[in-house]
């Protein structure tokens, strides 16, 4: 199993709690949990490396 950095663990923790979250919401949650500021595209790249995928939900619901 892949060892995660603290930021990766924080993201994974947030994703386990809620599956319907935007990259911007993940960015904000990460800022609150870890006190770091990152661009949403950096979060997308990390999620891709971790094997997560996303699907746009029509109507945002």
Protein backbone atom coordinates (compact mmCIF):
# COMPACT_ATOMS: atom_id res chain seq x y z
CA UNK A 1 0.00 0.00 0.00
CA UNK A 2 1.20 3.46 -0.90
CA UNK A 3 2.39 5.70 1.91
CA UNK A 4 0.61 9.05 1.91
CA UNK A 5 1.93 12.41 2.97
CA UNK A 6 -0.14 14.30 5.58
CA UNK A 7 -1.87 16.30 2.84
CA UNK A 8 -2.79 13.13 0.96
CA UNK A 9 -4.19 11.62 4.14
CA UNK A 10 -6.24 14.76 4.79
CA UNK A 11 -7.70 14.70 1.30
CA UNK A 12 -8.51 11.02 1.56
CA UNK A 13 -10.18 11.61 4.92
CA UNK A 14 -12.38 14.37 3.47
CA UNK A 15 -13.30 12.20 0.48
CA UNK A 16 -14.28 9.31 2.73
CA UNK A 17 -16.68 11.58 4.61
CA UNK A 18 -18.36 13.02 1.52
CA UNK A 19 -18.20 11.89 -2.07
CA UNK A 20 -19.89 14.96 -3.54
CA UNK A 21 -17.32 17.69 -3.18
CA UNK A 22 -15.75 20.05 -5.68
CA UNK A 23 -12.05 20.69 -6.11
CA UNK A 24 -12.59 24.16 -4.69
CA UNK A 25 -14.30 22.71 -1.61
CA UNK A 26 -11.43 20.24 -1.22
CA UNK A 27 -8.97 23.13 -1.48
CA UNK A 28 -10.81 25.00 1.26
CA UNK A 29 -11.03 21.91 3.50
CA UNK A 30 -7.31 21.32 3.05
CA UNK A 31 -6.55 24.93 3.96
CA UNK A 32 -8.57 24.58 7.16
CA UNK A 33 -7.18 21.16 8.12
CA UNK A 34 -3.52 21.62 7.20
CA UNK A 35 -3.09 25.38 6.92
CA UNK A 36 -1.74 25.20 3.37
CA UNK A 37 -2.81 27.05 0.24
CA UNK A 38 -2.75 25.05 -2.98
CA UNK A 39 -4.25 25.48 -6.43
CA UNK A 40 -7.21 23.30 -7.28
CA UNK A 41 -5.31 21.84 -10.25
CA UNK A 42 -2.63 20.55 -7.85
CA UNK A 43 -5.36 18.77 -5.89
CA UNK A 44 -6.72 17.28 -9.12
CA UNK A 45 -3.25 15.98 -10.02
CA UNK A 46 -2.78 14.41 -6.57
CA UNK A 47 -6.20 12.77 -6.70
CA UNK A 48 -5.37 11.33 -10.12
CA UNK A 49 -2.09 9.90 -8.77
CA UNK A 50 -4.01 8.38 -5.86
CA UNK A 51 -6.38 6.66 -8.28
CA UNK A 52 -9.45 8.80 -7.67
CA UNK A 53 -11.68 9.78 -10.56
CA UNK A 54 -14.52 12.22 -10.85
CA UNK A 55 -17.72 12.57 -12.74
CA UNK A 56 -19.54 15.80 -13.34
CA UNK A 57 -23.11 15.55 -12.10
CA UNK A 58 -25.66 17.30 -14.32
CA UNK A 59 -27.34 20.16 -12.52
CA UNK A 60 -24.75 20.05 -9.74
CA UNK A 61 -26.89 17.76 -7.59
